Amino acid sequence: MQKTARTTECDATERTNHDREPEDEGKGVVHDSMNGELRLLGARRMVMNPLAMCDKLDKMFGSGAEAIVHYMLFESGRDTFDTMINNNRNKSRGELLKMLVDLQPNTGWGYVSLTIIRTDPPSVNIVVRNPPVKSVKGSQKQIIGSYWAGVLSGYFNRQLVSKNISYDAEKDEFACTVTV
């Protein structure tokens, strides 16, 4: 006897115009249910779990996965900051950087503390409390540092990298330095 398969369909519920939150550049995070979008200071973003992606890439490419994840997250950070600048021309780079840091807990990245040690050559210490990455093994260790290297490369208009990557399990803090 053969069982018949039941299909379940789940479609996004279409929203009406009155469900749409207005564009409010001061708000920072805008959920546009009309278009199915999430925007951070005008930069469209998606919610995803990069840790599972890193595990798969590590299995497929070994240590080469670190380079893949670095470039993906670097470009994501750079693109985020560039889009923020283009969509918020009335704000300074410093204001936008501060706003992005303030938004991190709302996006699942933890509580970011960013300290600019010097501007020429740039050197920035980054500490993330309760980070999504709780390891410095494999490609996962590139997620936070590479993202912020991209953001800060946009901020300083100069190619930067993350160094001195560490995770303190007792404090639940990820730390790195972004510099030349």
Protein backbone atom coordinates (compact mmCIF):
# COMPACT_ATOMS: atom_id res chain seq x y z
CA MET A 1 0.00 0.00 0.00
CA GLN A 2 1.42 3.31 -1.07
CA LYS A 3 1.15 6.39 1.11
CA THR A 4 0.18 9.58 -0.60
CA ALA A 5 2.46 12.47 0.04
CA ARG A 6 0.95 15.59 1.44
CA THR A 7 2.26 18.81 0.11
CA THR A 8 2.44 21.85 2.26
CA GLU A 9 2.71 25.23 0.69
CA CYS A 10 3.95 28.25 2.53
CA ASP A 11 3.80 31.51 0.68
CA ALA A 12 4.78 34.86 2.08
CA THR A 13 1.69 36.82 2.91
CA GLU A 14 1.38 39.80 0.67
CA ARG A 15 1.09 43.05 2.56
CA THR A 16 -0.79 46.16 1.75
CA ASN A 17 0.66 49.64 1.56
CA HIS A 18 -0.55 50.53 5.05
CA ASP A 19 1.55 47.65 6.50
CA ARG A 20 4.72 49.15 5.11
CA GLU A 21 6.93 50.98 7.55
CA PRO A 22 7.97 54.38 6.22
CA GLU A 23 11.57 54.96 5.20
CA ASP A 24 13.09 56.67 8.20
CA GLU A 25 16.82 57.21 7.89
CA GLY A 26 17.08 58.03 11.59
CA LYS A 27 15.59 54.67 12.50
CA GLY A 28 18.49 52.61 11.19
CA VAL A 29 16.67 49.28 10.79
CA VAL A 30 13.67 49.31 8.46
CA HIS A 31 11.56 46.23 7.82
CA ASP A 32 9.64 46.79 4.59
CA SER A 33 6.96 44.10 4.62
CA MET A 34 5.50 45.40 1.35
CA ASN A 35 8.64 44.46 -0.55
CA GLY A 36 9.95 41.78 1.82
CA GLU A 37 13.10 43.72 2.66
CA LEU A 38 15.26 44.43 5.69
CA ARG A 39 17.39 47.56 5.42
CA LEU A 40 20.14 48.83 7.71
CA LEU A 41 20.67 52.53 7.11
CA GLY A 42 19.48 52.05 3.54
CA ALA A 43 21.61 48.95 2.83
CA ARG A 44 19.49 45.88 2.06
CA ARG A 45 20.50 42.86 4.14
CA MET A 46 19.38 39.27 4.66
CA VAL A 47 19.17 37.24 7.83
CA MET A 48 21.28 34.09 7.57
CA ASN A 49 23.51 31.80 9.61
CA PRO A 50 27.06 32.01 8.24
CA LEU A 51 28.38 29.39 10.69
CA ALA A 52 26.78 26.48 8.85
CA MET A 53 28.15 27.86 5.58
CA CYS A 54 31.65 28.01 7.10
CA ASP A 55 31.47 24.41 8.32
CA LYS A 56 30.56 23.23 4.82
CA LEU A 57 33.28 25.32 3.17
CA ASP A 58 35.87 23.99 5.65
CA LYS A 59 34.92 20.42 4.71
CA MET A 60 35.04 21.19 0.99
CA PHE A 61 38.12 23.41 0.75
CA GLY A 62 40.12 22.95 3.95
CA SER A 63 42.25 25.97 4.79
CA GLY A 64 41.26 27.56 1.47
CA ALA A 65 37.85 28.21 2.98
CA GLU A 66 39.39 30.94 5.15
CA ALA A 67 40.26 32.94 2.04
CA ILE A 68 36.78 32.43 0.57
CA VAL A 69 35.04 33.57 3.76
CA HIS A 70 37.46 36.48 4.19
CA TYR A 71 36.72 37.87 0.73
CA MET A 72 32.97 37.28 1.01
CA LEU A 73 32.67 39.04 4.38
CA PHE A 74 35.17 41.77 3.48
CA GLU A 75 33.12 42.66 0.39
CA SER A 76 29.91 42.51 2.42
CA GLY A 77 31.31 44.97 4.98
CA ARG A 78 32.70 47.27 2.30
CA ASP A 79 29.44 47.19 0.34
CA THR A 80 27.40 47.84 3.49
CA PHE A 81 29.39 50.95 4.38
CA ASP A 82 29.49 52.23 0.78
CA THR A 83 25.71 51.80 0.49
CA MET A 84 25.19 53.58 3.80
CA ILE A 85 27.28 56.52 2.56
CA ASN A 86 25.35 56.70 -0.71
CA ASN A 87 21.95 56.54 1.04
CA ASN A 88 22.78 58.97 3.86
CA ARG A 89 24.71 61.81 2.24
CA ASN A 90 23.71 64.22 5.00
CA LYS A 91 25.64 62.20 7.62
CA SER A 92 29.39 62.07 8.17
CA ARG A 93 31.39 58.85 7.89
CA GLY A 94 31.89 58.96 11.66
CA GLU A 95 28.16 59.24 12.33
CA LEU A 96 27.45 56.32 9.99
CA LEU A 97 30.15 54.17 11.57
CA LYS A 98 28.71 54.88 15.03
CA MET A 99 25.19 54.08 13.81
CA LEU A 100 26.39 50.78 12.29
CA VAL A 101 28.11 49.80 15.55
CA ASP A 102 24.94 50.68 17.48
CA LEU A 103 22.84 48.49 15.15
CA GLN A 104 24.91 45.33 15.62
CA PRO A 105 22.94 43.89 18.59
CA ASN A 106 19.74 44.23 16.52
CA THR A 107 21.25 42.16 13.72
CA GLY A 108 22.56 39.27 15.80
CA TRP A 109 26.25 40.22 15.65
CA GLY A 110 26.59 40.91 19.38
CA TYR A 111 27.70 44.08 21.14
CA VAL A 112 30.53 45.71 19.24
CA SER A 113 33.11 47.99 20.79
CA LEU A 114 35.26 49.72 18.21
CA THR A 115 38.28 51.80 19.29
CA ILE A 116 40.24 53.78 16.72
CA ILE A 117 43.82 53.68 18.01
CA ARG A 118 45.21 55.83 15.21
CA THR A 119 44.12 57.07 11.81
CA ASP A 120 47.45 57.15 9.93
CA PRO A 121 48.12 54.37 9.37
CA PRO A 122 44.72 53.14 10.52
CA SER A 123 44.59 50.78 13.48
CA VAL A 124 41.29 49.83 15.11
CA ASN A 125 40.66 47.44 17.99
CA ILE A 126 37.38 45.55 17.83
CA VAL A 127 35.80 43.63 20.69
CA VAL A 128 32.46 41.85 20.30
CA ARG A 129 30.61 40.68 23.41
CA ASN A 130 28.36 37.66 22.83
CA PRO A 131 29.54 37.19 19.24
CA PRO A 132 27.88 34.69 16.89
CA VAL A 133 31.35 33.17 16.35
CA LYS A 134 32.70 31.45 19.43
CA SER A 135 35.76 29.89 17.86
CA VAL A 136 38.95 30.83 16.07
CA LYS A 137 39.18 27.57 14.14
CA GLY A 138 38.57 27.21 10.46
CA SER A 139 36.92 29.83 8.33
CA GLN A 140 34.55 31.01 11.10
CA LYS A 141 37.37 33.06 12.56
CA GLN A 142 37.26 35.26 9.44
CA ILE A 143 33.61 36.29 9.73
CA ILE A 144 33.78 39.19 12.19
CA GLY A 145 37.27 40.51 11.47
CA SER A 146 36.87 40.41 7.71
CA TYR A 147 33.46 42.12 7.84
CA TRP A 148 34.87 44.96 9.94
CA ALA A 149 38.01 45.14 7.78
CA GLY A 150 35.66 45.79 4.85
CA VAL A 151 33.62 48.40 6.74
CA LEU A 152 36.74 50.18 7.97
CA SER A 153 38.39 50.00 4.54
CA GLY A 154 35.38 51.98 3.31
CA TYR A 155 35.60 54.34 6.27
CA PHE A 156 39.32 55.08 5.82
CA ASN A 157 39.35 54.70 1.99
CA ARG A 158 42.24 52.28 2.38
CA GLN A 159 42.62 48.50 2.14
CA LEU A 160 42.74 47.02 5.67
CA VAL A 161 42.93 43.51 7.12
CA SER A 162 42.08 41.90 10.45
CA LYS A 163 44.91 40.59 12.63
CA ASN A 164 45.40 39.20 16.13
CA ILE A 165 42.09 37.32 16.08
CA SER A 166 41.09 35.80 19.43
CA TYR A 167 38.11 34.51 21.39
CA ASP A 168 37.91 34.53 25.20
CA ALA A 169 35.28 31.96 26.24
CA GLU A 170 35.31 33.10 29.86
CA LYS A 171 34.38 36.68 28.88
CA ASP A 172 32.48 35.54 25.75
CA GLU A 173 34.39 38.10 23.69
CA PHE A 174 35.78 37.98 20.18
CA ALA A 175 38.62 40.44 19.53
CA CYS A 176 40.80 41.52 16.63
CA THR A 177 42.72 44.48 15.27
CA VAL A 178 41.94 45.95 11.86
CA THR A 179 44.95 47.66 10.33
CA VAL A 180 47.15 47.85 7.22
